[in-house]
């Protein structure tokens, strides 16, 4: 930092000492005594040491404050509101330009946020409006010959709309987040009841080893969304007559939930990409997937500080591991 300070002030230091050398030469030529000459030189050094020492300490303090400010402030385009306007004319001019630029950017961000909010509200309203004809179609479906196929496609459409709605809401999850004591067993049971017809049709055996009195602190609605996507994924890719097993354990102050299906599994080459947006895998069964379910579940889990890991072996099994940090704040405020 000392080197940086001298780099910024070398011109004034150079000017002062050139002037002093000339004054000293004039003193010698005018016949000044040696003692007076030496005293003058000593005073030069003393005053320079005091003056530039104080200036350096002030410079160092300002630099440290600025570094702390830059590292701690969340939105750097507001930094001009917290930094003092420089006293020098040149510094003040650059500061004013930076301030004007930042203000323009803030206005642009606000405008874009407003447009984004309008678009989000429109899409939410559109999705809700789409649910009305779906309800009507369910009633009308009683007269359809292929009821099973009709209701399957209707449910698929409803699932896509719900995924789209959650996709829109995920960016504002913080505003819609309510921490409460949630019963894990009840959350799983509700999903199983909702999908019981599908489970029965595929002849899937369920083994749920979860204590009915297990509670964790989290948001019940978003937890149900995550569990729903993973359990539906397990049902969808389980073989006919296969099985799904759900276990729990406590590990290093974390609550762990395992959801494992004996199904088609995931190819090793696809495994690192299953949480990518739009990724549906290379299997034939996966071609009808939207590629949004696991992506949204992972994004939601990341925001809630819930860690999701997956292990799989093609044609054998897929196991999801959810780790809930019961010892820390459940919500992650970092983007």
C-alpha atoms as a PDB file:
ATOM      1  CA  UNK A   1       0.000   0.000   0.000  1.00  0.00           C
ATOM      2  CA  UNK A   2       2.942   2.348   0.705  1.00  0.00           C
ATOM      3  CA  UNK A   3       4.175   1.821  -2.830  1.00  0.00           C
ATOM      4  CA  UNK A   4       0.731   2.677  -4.190  1.00  0.00           C
ATOM      5  CA  UNK A   5       0.632   5.845  -2.085  1.00  0.00           C
ATOM      6  CA  UNK A   6       3.982   7.063  -3.466  1.00  0.00           C
ATOM      7  CA  UNK A   7       2.889   6.207  -6.999  1.00  0.00           C
ATOM      8  CA  UNK A   8      -0.144   8.470  -6.527  1.00  0.00           C
ATOM      9  CA  UNK A   9       1.840  11.346  -4.953  1.00  0.00           C
ATOM     10  CA  UNK A  10       5.259  11.203  -6.652  1.00  0.00           C
ATOM     11  CA  UNK A  11       4.635  14.403  -8.644  1.00  0.00           C
ATOM     12  CA  UNK A  12       4.072  16.606  -5.600  1.00  0.00           C
ATOM     13  CA  UNK A  13       6.991  14.986  -3.735  1.00  0.00           C
ATOM     14  CA  UNK A  14       9.245  15.491  -6.758  1.00  0.00           C
ATOM     15  CA  UNK A  15       8.125  19.146  -7.085  1.00  0.00           C
ATOM     16  CA  UNK A  16       8.749  19.863  -3.376  1.00  0.00           C
ATOM     17  CA  UNK A  17      12.246  18.421  -3.383  1.00  0.00           C
ATOM     18  CA  UNK A  18      13.268  20.135  -6.622  1.00  0.00           C
ATOM     19  CA  UNK A  19      12.152  23.425  -5.065  1.00  0.00           C
ATOM     20  CA  UNK A  20      14.032  22.651  -1.854  1.00  0.00           C
ATOM     21  CA  UNK A  21      17.210  21.716  -3.674  1.00  0.00           C
ATOM     22  CA  UNK A  22      17.098  25.046  -5.529  1.00  0.00           C
ATOM     23  CA  UNK A  23      16.508  26.917  -2.244  1.00  0.00           C
ATOM     24  CA  UNK A  24      19.417  25.050  -0.634  1.00  0.00           C
ATOM     25  CA  UNK A  25      21.716  25.921  -3.542  1.00  0.00           C
ATOM     26  CA  UNK A  26      20.758  29.597  -3.212  1.00  0.00           C
ATOM     27  CA  UNK A  27      21.474  29.428   0.529  1.00  0.00           C
ATOM     28  CA  UNK A  28      24.953  28.044  -0.112  1.00  0.00           C
ATOM     29  CA  UNK A  29      25.669  30.639  -2.816  1.00  0.00           C
ATOM     30  CA  UNK A  30      24.501  33.441  -0.525  1.00  0.00           C
ATOM     31  CA  UNK A  31      27.014  32.357   2.106  1.00  0.00           C
ATOM     32  CA  UNK A  32      24.621  30.820   4.654  1.00  0.00           C
ATOM     33  CA  UNK A  33      26.280  29.068   7.570  1.00  0.00           C
ATOM     34  CA  UNK A  34      26.634  25.271   7.442  1.00  0.00           C
ATOM     35  CA  UNK A  35      24.624  24.889  10.666  1.00  0.00           C
ATOM     36  CA  UNK A  36      21.713  26.824   9.167  1.00  0.00           C
ATOM     37  CA  UNK A  37      21.900  24.782   5.985  1.00  0.00           C
ATOM     38  CA  UNK A  38      21.874  21.443   7.877  1.00  0.00           C
ATOM     39  CA  UNK A  39      19.049  22.623  10.153  1.00  0.00           C
ATOM     40  CA  UNK A  40      16.970  23.528   7.107  1.00  0.00           C
ATOM     41  CA  UNK A  41      17.533  20.080   5.573  1.00  0.00           C
ATOM     42  CA  UNK A  42      16.598  18.364   8.866  1.00  0.00           C
ATOM     43  CA  UNK A  43      13.428  20.440   9.160  1.00  0.00           C
ATOM     44  CA  UNK A  44      12.509  19.496   5.593  1.00  0.00           C
ATOM     45  CA  UNK A  45      12.727  15.794   6.506  1.00  0.00           C
ATOM     46  CA  UNK A  46      10.873  16.205   9.827  1.00  0.00           C
ATOM     47  CA  UNK A  47       7.975  18.149   8.323  1.00  0.00           C
ATOM     48  CA  UNK A  48       7.799  15.809   5.316  1.00  0.00           C
ATOM     49  CA  UNK A  49       7.752  12.780   7.608  1.00  0.00           C
ATOM     50  CA  UNK A  50       4.932  14.230   9.721  1.00  0.00           C
ATOM     51  CA  UNK A  51       2.875  15.566   6.810  1.00  0.00           C
ATOM     52  CA  UNK A  52       3.208  12.606   4.451  1.00  0.00           C
ATOM     53  CA  UNK A  53       2.968  10.146   7.370  1.00  0.00           C
ATOM     54  CA  UNK A  54      -0.411  11.564   8.382  1.00  0.00           C
ATOM     55  CA  UNK A  55      -1.545  11.655   4.746  1.00  0.00           C
ATOM     56  CA  UNK A  56      -0.473   8.027   4.298  1.00  0.00           C
ATOM     57  CA  UNK A  57      -2.392   6.904   7.406  1.00  0.00           C
ATOM     58  CA  UNK A  58      -5.470   8.704   6.097  1.00  0.00           C
ATOM     59  CA  UNK A  59      -4.954   7.129   2.655  1.00  0.00           C
ATOM     60  CA  UNK A  60      -4.557   3.664   4.207  1.00  0.00           C
ATOM     61  CA  UNK A  61      -7.697   4.065   6.325  1.00  0.00           C
ATOM     62  CA  UNK A  62      -9.785   5.159   3.329  1.00  0.00           C
ATOM     63  CA  UNK A  63      -8.513   2.272   1.197  1.00  0.00           C
ATOM     64  CA  UNK A  64      -9.345  -0.276   3.909  1.00  0.00           C
ATOM     65  CA  UNK A  65     -12.817   1.208   4.388  1.00  0.00           C
ATOM     66  CA  UNK A  66     -13.390   1.095   0.636  1.00  0.00           C
ATOM     67  CA  UNK A  67     -12.250  -2.539   0.429  1.00  0.00           C
ATOM     68  CA  UNK A  68     -14.597  -3.510   3.265  1.00  0.00           C
ATOM     69  CA  UNK A  69     -17.400  -1.603   1.595  1.00  0.00           C
ATOM     70  CA  UNK A  70     -16.867  -3.320  -1.761  1.00  0.00           C
ATOM     71  CA  UNK A  71     -16.702  -6.781  -0.180  1.00  0.00           C
ATOM     72  CA  UNK A  72     -19.756  -6.313   2.054  1.00  0.00           C
ATOM     73  CA  UNK A  73     -22.179  -4.351  -0.100  1.00  0.00           C
ATOM     74  CA  UNK A  74     -24.698  -6.541  -1.925  1.00  0.00           C
ATOM     75  CA  UNK A  75     -25.458  -4.271  -4.885  1.00  0.00           C
ATOM     76  CA  UNK A  76     -22.361  -2.410  -6.076  1.00  0.00           C
ATOM     77  CA  UNK A  77     -24.311   0.035  -8.200  1.00  0.00           C
ATOM     78  CA  UNK A  78     -25.295   1.802  -4.943  1.00  0.00           C
ATOM     79  CA  UNK A  79     -21.678   2.343  -3.889  1.00  0.00           C
ATOM     80  CA  UNK A  80     -21.645   6.020  -4.919  1.00  0.00           C
ATOM     81  CA  UNK A  81     -24.190   6.691  -2.147  1.00  0.00           C
ATOM     82  CA  UNK A  82     -21.734   5.436   0.486  1.00  0.00           C
ATOM     83  CA  UNK A  83     -18.430   6.855  -0.815  1.00  0.00           C
ATOM     84  CA  UNK A  84     -17.348  10.433  -0.093  1.00  0.00           C
ATOM     85  CA  UNK A  85     -17.019  12.797  -3.030  1.00  0.00           C
ATOM     86  CA  UNK A  86     -13.289  13.473  -3.682  1.00  0.00           C
ATOM     87  CA  UNK A  87     -11.976  16.941  -2.901  1.00  0.00           C
ATOM     88  CA  UNK A  88      -9.825  17.191  -6.010  1.00  0.00           C
ATOM     89  CA  UNK A  89     -11.475  18.606  -9.113  1.00  0.00           C
ATOM     90  CA  UNK A  90     -10.430  15.694 -11.317  1.00  0.00           C
ATOM     91  CA  UNK A  91     -11.513  13.076  -8.760  1.00  0.00           C
ATOM     92  CA  UNK A  92     -14.843  14.860  -8.220  1.00  0.00           C
ATOM     93  CA  UNK A  93     -15.478  14.915 -11.974  1.00  0.00           C
ATOM     94  CA  UNK A  94     -14.943  11.143 -12.302  1.00  0.00           C
ATOM     95  CA  UNK A  95     -17.051  10.568  -9.188  1.00  0.00           C
ATOM     96  CA  UNK A  96     -19.941  12.582 -10.656  1.00  0.00           C
ATOM     97  CA  UNK A  97     -19.715  10.627 -13.914  1.00  0.00           C
ATOM     98  CA  UNK A  98     -19.772   7.345 -11.989  1.00  0.00           C
ATOM     99  CA  UNK A  99     -22.765   8.556  -9.967  1.00  0.00           C
ATOM    100  CA  UNK A 100     -24.721   9.530 -13.088  1.00  0.00           C
ATOM    101  CA  UNK A 101     -23.899   6.202 -14.715  1.00  0.00           C
ATOM    102  CA  UNK A 102     -24.998   4.259 -11.619  1.00  0.00           C
ATOM    103  CA  UNK A 103     -28.233   6.230 -11.350  1.00  0.00           C
ATOM    104  CA  UNK A 104     -29.031   5.479 -15.003  1.00  0.00           C
ATOM    105  CA  UNK A 105     -28.344   1.795 -14.386  1.00  0.00           C
ATOM    106  CA  UNK A 106     -30.568   1.749 -11.274  1.00  0.00           C
ATOM    107  CA  UNK A 107     -33.408   3.304 -13.277  1.00  0.00           C
ATOM    108  CA  UNK A 108     -32.901   0.708 -16.011  1.00  0.00           C
ATOM    109  CA  UNK A 109     -32.915  -2.134 -13.460  1.00  0.00           C
ATOM    110  CA  UNK A 110     -36.107  -0.826 -11.857  1.00  0.00           C
ATOM    111  CA  UNK A 111     -37.778  -0.556 -15.246  1.00  0.00           C
ATOM    112  CA  UNK A 112     -36.754  -4.100 -16.205  1.00  0.00           C
ATOM    113  CA  UNK A 113     -37.889  -5.438 -12.827  1.00  0.00           C
ATOM    114  CA  UNK A 114     -41.282  -3.823 -13.305  1.00  0.00           C
ATOM    115  CA  UNK A 115     -41.604  -5.360 -16.778  1.00  0.00           C
ATOM    116  CA  UNK A 116     -40.511  -8.740 -15.398  1.00  0.00           C
ATOM    117  CA  UNK A 117     -43.069  -8.456 -12.595  1.00  0.00           C
ATOM    118  CA  UNK A 118     -45.813  -7.654 -15.107  1.00  0.00           C
ATOM    119  CA  UNK A 119     -44.821 -10.647 -17.259  1.00  0.00           C
ATOM    120  CA  UNK A 120     -44.725 -12.954 -14.233  1.00  0.00           C
ATOM    121  CA  UNK A 121     -48.159 -11.797 -13.063  1.00  0.00           C
ATOM    122  CA  UNK A 122     -49.573 -12.272 -16.564  1.00  0.00           C
ATOM    123  CA  UNK A 123     -48.208 -15.826 -16.826  1.00  0.00           C
ATOM    124  CA  UNK A 124     -49.487 -16.714 -13.340  1.00  0.00           C
ATOM    125  CA  UNK A 125     -52.930 -15.398 -14.251  1.00  0.00           C
ATOM    126  CA  UNK A 126     -52.840 -17.314 -17.554  1.00  0.00           C
ATOM    127  CA  UNK A 127     -51.934 -20.575 -15.778  1.00  0.00           C
ATOM    128  CA  UNK A 128     -54.756 -20.116 -13.278  1.00  0.00           C
ATOM    129  CA  UNK A 129     -57.158 -19.428 -16.137  1.00  0.00           C
ATOM    130  CA  UNK A 130     -56.001 -22.630 -17.863  1.00  0.00           C
ATOM    131  CA  UNK A 131     -56.953 -24.664 -14.789  1.00  0.00           C
ATOM    132  CA  UNK A 132     -60.635 -23.768 -15.208  1.00  0.00           C
ATOM    133  CA  UNK A 133     -61.105 -25.590 -18.543  1.00  0.00           C
ATOM    134  CA  UNK A 134     -59.110 -28.525 -17.144  1.00  0.00           C
ATOM    135  CA  UNK A 135     -61.688 -28.868 -14.363  1.00  0.00           C
ATOM    136  CA  UNK A 136     -64.451 -28.763 -16.977  1.00  0.00           C
ATOM    137  CA  UNK A 137     -62.666 -31.378 -19.082  1.00  0.00           C
ATOM    138  CA  UNK A 138     -62.465 -33.705 -16.090  1.00  0.00           C
ATOM    139  CA  UNK A 139     -66.249 -33.566 -15.796  1.00  0.00           C
ATOM    140  CA  UNK A 140     -66.719 -34.017 -19.540  1.00  0.00           C
ATOM    141  CA  UNK A 141     -64.263 -36.932 -19.502  1.00  0.00           C
ATOM    142  CA  UNK A 142     -66.918 -39.219 -18.044  1.00  0.00           C
ATOM    143  CA  UNK A 143     -68.368 -39.607 -21.529  1.00  0.00           C
ATOM    144  CA  UNK A 144     -65.034 -40.293 -23.270  1.00  0.00           C
ATOM    145  CA  UNK A 145     -64.459 -43.865 -24.471  1.00  0.00           C
ATOM    146  CA  UNK A 146     -60.749 -44.077 -23.559  1.00  0.00           C
ATOM    147  CA  UNK A 147     -61.072 -42.636 -20.072  1.00  0.00           C
ATOM    148  CA  UNK A 148     -57.688 -43.896 -18.910  1.00  0.00           C
ATOM    149  CA  UNK A 149     -55.781 -42.258 -21.773  1.00  0.00           C
ATOM    150  CA  UNK A 150     -57.891 -39.114 -21.513  1.00  0.00           C
ATOM    151  CA  UNK A 151     -57.212 -38.642 -17.806  1.00  0.00           C
ATOM    152  CA  UNK A 152     -53.514 -39.447 -18.219  1.00  0.00           C
ATOM    153  CA  UNK A 153     -53.111 -36.677 -20.779  1.00  0.00           C
ATOM    154  CA  UNK A 154     -55.245 -34.334 -18.684  1.00  0.00           C
ATOM    155  CA  UNK A 155     -53.086 -34.997 -15.634  1.00  0.00           C
ATOM    156  CA  UNK A 156     -49.948 -34.478 -17.699  1.00  0.00           C
ATOM    157  CA  UNK A 157     -51.279 -31.090 -18.839  1.00  0.00           C
ATOM    158  CA  UNK A 158     -52.141 -30.176 -15.244  1.00  0.00           C
ATOM    159  CA  UNK A 159     -48.665 -31.210 -14.046  1.00  0.00           C
ATOM    160  CA  UNK A 160     -47.022 -29.067 -16.730  1.00  0.00           C
ATOM    161  CA  UNK A 161     -49.121 -26.055 -15.697  1.00  0.00           C
ATOM    162  CA  UNK A 162     -48.220 -26.580 -12.035  1.00  0.00           C
ATOM    163  CA  UNK A 163     -44.543 -26.871 -12.934  1.00  0.00           C
ATOM    164  CA  UNK A 164     -44.778 -23.659 -14.949  1.00  0.00           C
ATOM    165  CA  UNK A 165     -46.447 -21.883 -12.030  1.00  0.00           C
ATOM    166  CA  UNK A 166     -43.746 -23.014  -9.601  1.00  0.00           C
ATOM    167  CA  UNK A 167     -41.065 -22.035 -12.110  1.00  0.00           C
ATOM    168  CA  UNK A 168     -42.445 -18.474 -12.136  1.00  0.00           C
ATOM    169  CA  UNK A 169     -42.719 -18.346  -8.347  1.00  0.00           C
ATOM    170  CA  UNK A 170     -39.290 -19.786  -7.627  1.00  0.00           C
ATOM    171  CA  UNK A 171     -37.449 -16.503  -8.229  1.00  0.00           C
ATOM    172  CA  UNK A 172     -39.509 -14.892  -5.456  1.00  0.00           C
ATOM    173  CA  UNK A 173     -39.417 -17.897  -3.124  1.00  0.00           C
ATOM    174  CA  UNK A 174     -38.023 -15.735  -0.298  1.00  0.00           C
ATOM    175  CA  UNK A 175     -41.253 -13.706  -0.171  1.00  0.00           C
ATOM    176  CA  UNK A 176     -43.390 -16.847  -0.213  1.00  0.00           C
ATOM    177  CA  UNK A 177     -41.352 -18.779   2.376  1.00  0.00           C
ATOM    178  CA  UNK A 178     -42.907 -19.731   5.715  1.00  0.00           C
ATOM    179  CA  UNK A 179     -40.842 -21.779   8.190  1.00  0.00           C
ATOM    180  CA  UNK A 180     -42.864 -24.179  10.332  1.00  0.00           C
ATOM    181  CA  UNK A 181     -42.656 -27.636  11.900  1.00  0.00           C
ATOM    182  CA  UNK A 182     -43.477 -30.052   9.091  1.00  0.00           C
ATOM    183  CA  UNK A 183     -44.332 -33.722   9.546  1.00  0.00           C
ATOM    184  CA  UNK A 184     -42.281 -35.608   6.950  1.00  0.00           C
ATOM    185  CA  UNK A 185     -44.454 -38.728   7.117  1.00  0.00           C
ATOM    186  CA  UNK A 186     -47.636 -36.735   6.440  1.00  0.00           C
ATOM    187  CA  UNK A 187     -46.009 -34.931   3.497  1.00  0.00           C
ATOM    188  CA  UNK A 188     -44.988 -38.251   1.922  1.00  0.00           C
ATOM    189  CA  UNK A 189     -48.369 -39.843   2.691  1.00  0.00           C
ATOM    190  CA  UNK A 190     -50.272 -37.021   0.926  1.00  0.00           C
ATOM    191  CA  UNK A 191     -48.207 -37.527  -2.242  1.00  0.00           C
ATOM    192  CA  UNK A 192     -48.720 -41.305  -2.145  1.00  0.00           C
ATOM    193  CA  UNK A 193     -52.493 -40.864  -1.737  1.00  0.00           C
ATOM    194  CA  UNK A 194     -52.592 -38.433  -4.683  1.00  0.00           C
ATOM    195  CA  UNK A 195     -50.711 -40.927  -6.900  1.00  0.00           C
ATOM    196  CA  UNK A 196     -52.285 -44.159  -5.557  1.00  0.00           C
ATOM    197  CA  UNK A 197     -54.057 -44.958  -8.841  1.00  0.00           C
ATOM    198  CA  UNK A 198     -50.809 -44.730 -10.804  1.00  0.00           C
ATOM    199  CA  UNK A 199     -48.959 -46.802  -8.190  1.00  0.00           C
ATOM    200  CA  UNK A 200     -51.702 -49.460  -8.268  1.00  0.00           C
ATOM    201  CA  UNK A 201     -51.705 -49.624 -12.074  1.00  0.00           C
ATOM    202  CA  UNK A 202     -47.948 -50.267 -12.162  1.00  0.00           C
ATOM    203  CA  UNK A 203     -48.136 -52.772  -9.306  1.00  0.00           C
ATOM    204  CA  UNK A 204     -45.453 -50.914  -7.348  1.00  0.00           C
ATOM    205  CA  UNK A 205     -44.675 -52.060  -3.810  1.00  0.00           C
ATOM    206  CA  UNK A 206     -44.061 -49.266  -1.291  1.00  0.00           C
ATOM    207  CA  UNK A 207     -41.846 -49.559   1.775  1.00  0.00           C
ATOM    208  CA  UNK A 208     -41.914 -46.404   3.905  1.00  0.00           C
ATOM    209  CA  UNK A 209     -39.630 -46.495   6.942  1.00  0.00           C
ATOM    210  CA  UNK A 210     -40.313 -42.983   8.223  1.00  0.00           C
ATOM    211  CA  UNK A 211     -41.355 -42.218  11.780  1.00  0.00           C
ATOM    212  CA  UNK A 212     -44.841 -40.711  11.879  1.00  0.00           C
ATOM    213  CA  UNK A 213     -43.605 -38.268  14.547  1.00  0.00           C
ATOM    214  CA  UNK A 214     -40.651 -36.894  12.562  1.00  0.00           C
ATOM    215  CA  UNK A 215     -40.800 -33.093  12.291  1.00  0.00           C
ATOM    216  CA  UNK A 216     -38.322 -30.673  10.694  1.00  0.00           C
ATOM    217  CA  UNK A 217     -38.279 -26.878  10.425  1.00  0.00           C
ATOM    218  CA  UNK A 218     -38.929 -25.886   6.819  1.00  0.00           C
ATOM    219  CA  UNK A 219     -41.593 -24.592   4.440  1.00  0.00           C
ATOM    220  CA  UNK A 220     -44.251 -27.283   4.088  1.00  0.00           C
ATOM    221  CA  UNK A 221     -45.491 -26.212   0.651  1.00  0.00           C
ATOM    222  CA  UNK A 222     -42.058 -26.084  -0.990  1.00  0.00           C
ATOM    223  CA  UNK A 223     -40.943 -29.275   0.789  1.00  0.00           C
ATOM    224  CA  UNK A 224     -44.003 -31.055  -0.641  1.00  0.00           C
ATOM    225  CA  UNK A 225     -43.085 -29.728  -4.081  1.00  0.00           C
ATOM    226  CA  UNK A 226     -39.542 -31.174  -3.855  1.00  0.00           C
ATOM    227  CA  UNK A 227     -40.730 -34.541  -2.509  1.00  0.00           C
ATOM    228  CA  UNK A 228     -43.522 -34.672  -5.083  1.00  0.00           C
ATOM    229  CA  UNK A 229     -41.115 -34.244  -8.015  1.00  0.00           C
ATOM    230  CA  UNK A 230     -38.747 -36.936  -6.732  1.00  0.00           C
ATOM    231  CA  UNK A 231     -41.481 -39.449  -5.806  1.00  0.00           C
ATOM    232  CA  UNK A 232     -43.282 -38.916  -9.135  1.00  0.00           C
ATOM    233  CA  UNK A 233     -39.944 -39.447 -10.886  1.00  0.00           C
ATOM    234  CA  UNK A 234     -39.510 -42.715  -8.957  1.00  0.00           C
ATOM    235  CA  UNK A 235     -43.030 -43.901  -9.842  1.00  0.00           C
ATOM    236  CA  UNK A 236     -42.646 -42.939 -13.491  1.00  0.00           C
ATOM    237  CA  UNK A 237     -39.383 -44.815 -14.013  1.00  0.00           C
ATOM    238  CA  UNK A 238     -40.115 -47.816 -11.783  1.00  0.00           C
ATOM    239  CA  UNK A 239     -40.667 -51.083 -13.600  1.00  0.00           C
ATOM    240  CA  UNK A 240     -44.118 -52.669 -13.509  1.00  0.00           C
ATOM    241  CA  UNK A 241     -44.188 -54.730 -10.337  1.00  0.00           C
ATOM    242  CA  UNK A 242     -41.169 -52.802  -9.039  1.00  0.00           C
ATOM    243  CA  UNK A 243     -40.668 -51.199  -5.645  1.00  0.00           C
ATOM    244  CA  UNK A 244     -40.028 -47.829  -4.014  1.00  0.00           C
ATOM    245  CA  UNK A 245     -38.345 -47.606  -0.636  1.00  0.00           C
ATOM    246  CA  UNK A 246     -38.208 -44.481   1.561  1.00  0.00           C
ATOM    247  CA  UNK A 247     -35.885 -44.414   4.598  1.00  0.00           C
ATOM    248  CA  UNK A 248     -34.701 -41.804   7.102  1.00  0.00           C
ATOM    249  CA  UNK A 249     -31.710 -41.297   9.400  1.00  0.00           C
ATOM    250  CA  UNK A 250     -29.904 -38.624  11.422  1.00  0.00           C
ATOM    251  CA  UNK A 251     -26.313 -37.957  10.365  1.00  0.00           C
ATOM    252  CA  UNK A 252     -24.064 -35.230  11.834  1.00  0.00           C
ATOM    253  CA  UNK A 253     -27.055 -33.163  13.021  1.00  0.00           C
ATOM    254  CA  UNK A 254     -28.642 -33.452   9.569  1.00  0.00           C
ATOM    255  CA  UNK A 255     -31.913 -35.200   8.804  1.00  0.00           C
ATOM    256  CA  UNK A 256     -31.423 -37.544   5.825  1.00  0.00           C
ATOM    257  CA  UNK A 257     -34.230 -38.886   3.638  1.00  0.00           C
ATOM    258  CA  UNK A 258     -33.616 -41.632   1.053  1.00  0.00           C
ATOM    259  CA  UNK A 259     -36.025 -42.286  -1.839  1.00  0.00           C
ATOM    260  CA  UNK A 260     -35.010 -45.338  -3.886  1.00  0.00           C
ATOM    261  CA  UNK A 261     -36.784 -47.064  -6.751  1.00  0.00           C
ATOM    262  CA  UNK A 262     -36.046 -50.330  -8.478  1.00  0.00           C
ATOM    263  CA  UNK A 263     -36.563 -49.177 -12.014  1.00  0.00           C
ATOM    264  CA  UNK A 264     -34.876 -48.382 -15.301  1.00  0.00           C
ATOM    265  CA  UNK A 265     -32.064 -46.440 -13.619  1.00  0.00           C
ATOM    266  CA  UNK A 266     -30.059 -43.640 -15.195  1.00  0.00           C
ATOM    267  CA  UNK A 267     -27.155 -44.140 -17.632  1.00  0.00           C
ATOM    268  CA  UNK A 268     -23.817 -43.170 -16.106  1.00  0.00           C
ATOM    269  CA  UNK A 269     -23.273 -40.550 -18.822  1.00  0.00           C
ATOM    270  CA  UNK A 270     -26.613 -38.869 -17.987  1.00  0.00           C
ATOM    271  CA  UNK A 271     -26.209 -38.827 -14.199  1.00  0.00           C
ATOM    272  CA  UNK A 272     -24.279 -35.510 -13.897  1.00  0.00           C
ATOM    273  CA  UNK A 273     -26.919 -33.731 -16.004  1.00  0.00           C
ATOM    274  CA  UNK A 274     -30.240 -34.860 -14.498  1.00  0.00           C
ATOM    275  CA  UNK A 275     -30.753 -31.529 -12.686  1.00  0.00           C
ATOM    276  CA  UNK A 276     -30.103 -29.437 -15.792  1.00  0.00           C
ATOM    277  CA  UNK A 277     -32.976 -27.396 -17.195  1.00  0.00           C
ATOM    278  CA  UNK A 278     -34.696 -29.193 -20.070  1.00  0.00           C
ATOM    279  CA  UNK A 279     -32.622 -32.375 -19.746  1.00  0.00           C
ATOM    280  CA  UNK A 280     -34.771 -35.472 -20.360  1.00  0.00           C
ATOM    281  CA  UNK A 281     -32.114 -38.144 -20.712  1.00  0.00           C
ATOM    282  CA  UNK A 282     -31.376 -40.604 -23.473  1.00  0.00           C
ATOM    283  CA  UNK A 283     -33.848 -43.348 -22.548  1.00  0.00           C
ATOM    284  CA  UNK A 284     -36.997 -43.918 -24.611  1.00  0.00           C
ATOM    285  CA  UNK A 285     -39.221 -43.478 -21.537  1.00  0.00           C
ATOM    286  CA  UNK A 286     -37.697 -40.107 -20.813  1.00  0.00           C
ATOM    287  CA  UNK A 287     -38.538 -38.572 -24.192  1.00  0.00           C
ATOM    288  CA  UNK A 288     -42.012 -37.549 -22.935  1.00  0.00           C
ATOM    289  CA  UNK A 289     -40.587 -35.754 -19.905  1.00  0.00           C
ATOM    290  CA  UNK A 290     -40.574 -31.959 -19.688  1.00  0.00           C
ATOM    291  CA  UNK A 291     -37.105 -31.733 -18.169  1.00  0.00           C
ATOM    292  CA  UNK A 292     -38.355 -29.234 -15.583  1.00  0.00           C
ATOM    293  CA  UNK A 293     -39.345 -31.331 -12.552  1.00  0.00           C
ATOM    294  CA  UNK A 294     -35.943 -32.280 -11.153  1.00  0.00           C
ATOM    295  CA  UNK A 295     -34.441 -28.974 -12.292  1.00  0.00           C
ATOM    296  CA  UNK A 296     -36.998 -26.999 -10.259  1.00  0.00           C
ATOM    297  CA  UNK A 297     -36.725 -29.383  -7.302  1.00  0.00           C
ATOM    298  CA  UNK A 298     -32.941 -28.872  -7.211  1.00  0.00           C
ATOM    299  CA  UNK A 299     -33.200 -25.083  -7.522  1.00  0.00           C
ATOM    300  CA  UNK A 300     -35.789 -24.956  -4.771  1.00  0.00           C
ATOM    301  CA  UNK A 301     -33.684 -27.252  -2.553  1.00  0.00           C
ATOM    302  CA  UNK A 302     -30.596 -25.078  -3.056  1.00  0.00           C
ATOM    303  CA  UNK A 303     -32.517 -22.003  -1.898  1.00  0.00           C
ATOM    304  CA  UNK A 304     -33.735 -23.907   1.181  1.00  0.00           C
ATOM    305  CA  UNK A 305     -30.252 -25.259   2.066  1.00  0.00           C
ATOM    306  CA  UNK A 306     -31.432 -28.794   1.317  1.00  0.00           C
ATOM    307  CA  UNK A 307     -28.757 -30.896  -0.375  1.00  0.00           C
ATOM    308  CA  UNK A 308     -29.839 -33.427  -3.010  1.00  0.00           C
ATOM    309  CA  UNK A 309     -27.547 -36.239  -4.176  1.00  0.00           C
ATOM    310  CA  UNK A 310     -28.386 -39.090  -6.506  1.00  0.00           C
ATOM    311  CA  UNK A 311     -26.894 -42.503  -7.198  1.00  0.00           C
ATOM    312  CA  UNK A 312     -28.068 -44.826  -9.939  1.00  0.00           C
ATOM    313  CA  UNK A 313     -27.232 -47.941 -11.906  1.00  0.00           C
ATOM    314  CA  UNK A 314     -28.827 -48.398 -15.300  1.00  0.00           C
ATOM    315  CA  UNK A 315     -31.568 -51.073 -15.411  1.00  0.00           C
ATOM    316  CA  UNK A 316     -31.335 -51.567 -11.630  1.00  0.00           C
ATOM    317  CA  UNK A 317     -32.080 -48.627  -9.320  1.00  0.00           C
ATOM    318  CA  UNK A 318     -32.045 -44.876  -8.646  1.00  0.00           C
ATOM    319  CA  UNK A 319     -31.581 -43.472  -5.139  1.00  0.00           C
ATOM    320  CA  UNK A 320     -32.126 -39.839  -4.121  1.00  0.00           C
ATOM    321  CA  UNK A 321     -30.599 -38.577  -0.884  1.00  0.00           C
ATOM    322  CA  UNK A 322     -32.025 -35.393   0.670  1.00  0.00           C
ATOM    323  CA  UNK A 323     -30.093 -33.785   3.524  1.00  0.00           C
ATOM    324  CA  UNK A 324     -31.917 -31.238   5.698  1.00  0.00           C
ATOM    325  CA  UNK A 325     -29.655 -29.043   7.904  1.00  0.00           C
ATOM    326  CA  UNK A 326     -31.701 -29.097  11.104  1.00  0.00           C
ATOM    327  CA  UNK A 327     -28.967 -27.274  13.068  1.00  0.00           C
ATOM    328  CA  UNK A 328     -28.829 -24.096  10.932  1.00  0.00           C
ATOM    329  CA  UNK A 329     -31.150 -21.581   9.304  1.00  0.00           C
ATOM    330  CA  UNK A 330     -33.171 -23.468   6.651  1.00  0.00           C
ATOM    331  CA  UNK A 331     -33.274 -20.682   4.090  1.00  0.00           C
ATOM    332  CA  UNK A 332     -30.379 -19.679   1.872  1.00  0.00           C
ATOM    333  CA  UNK A 333     -30.471 -15.939   1.119  1.00  0.00           C
ATOM    334  CA  UNK A 334     -27.402 -16.042  -1.238  1.00  0.00           C
ATOM    335  CA  UNK A 335     -28.199 -16.200  -5.023  1.00  0.00           C
END
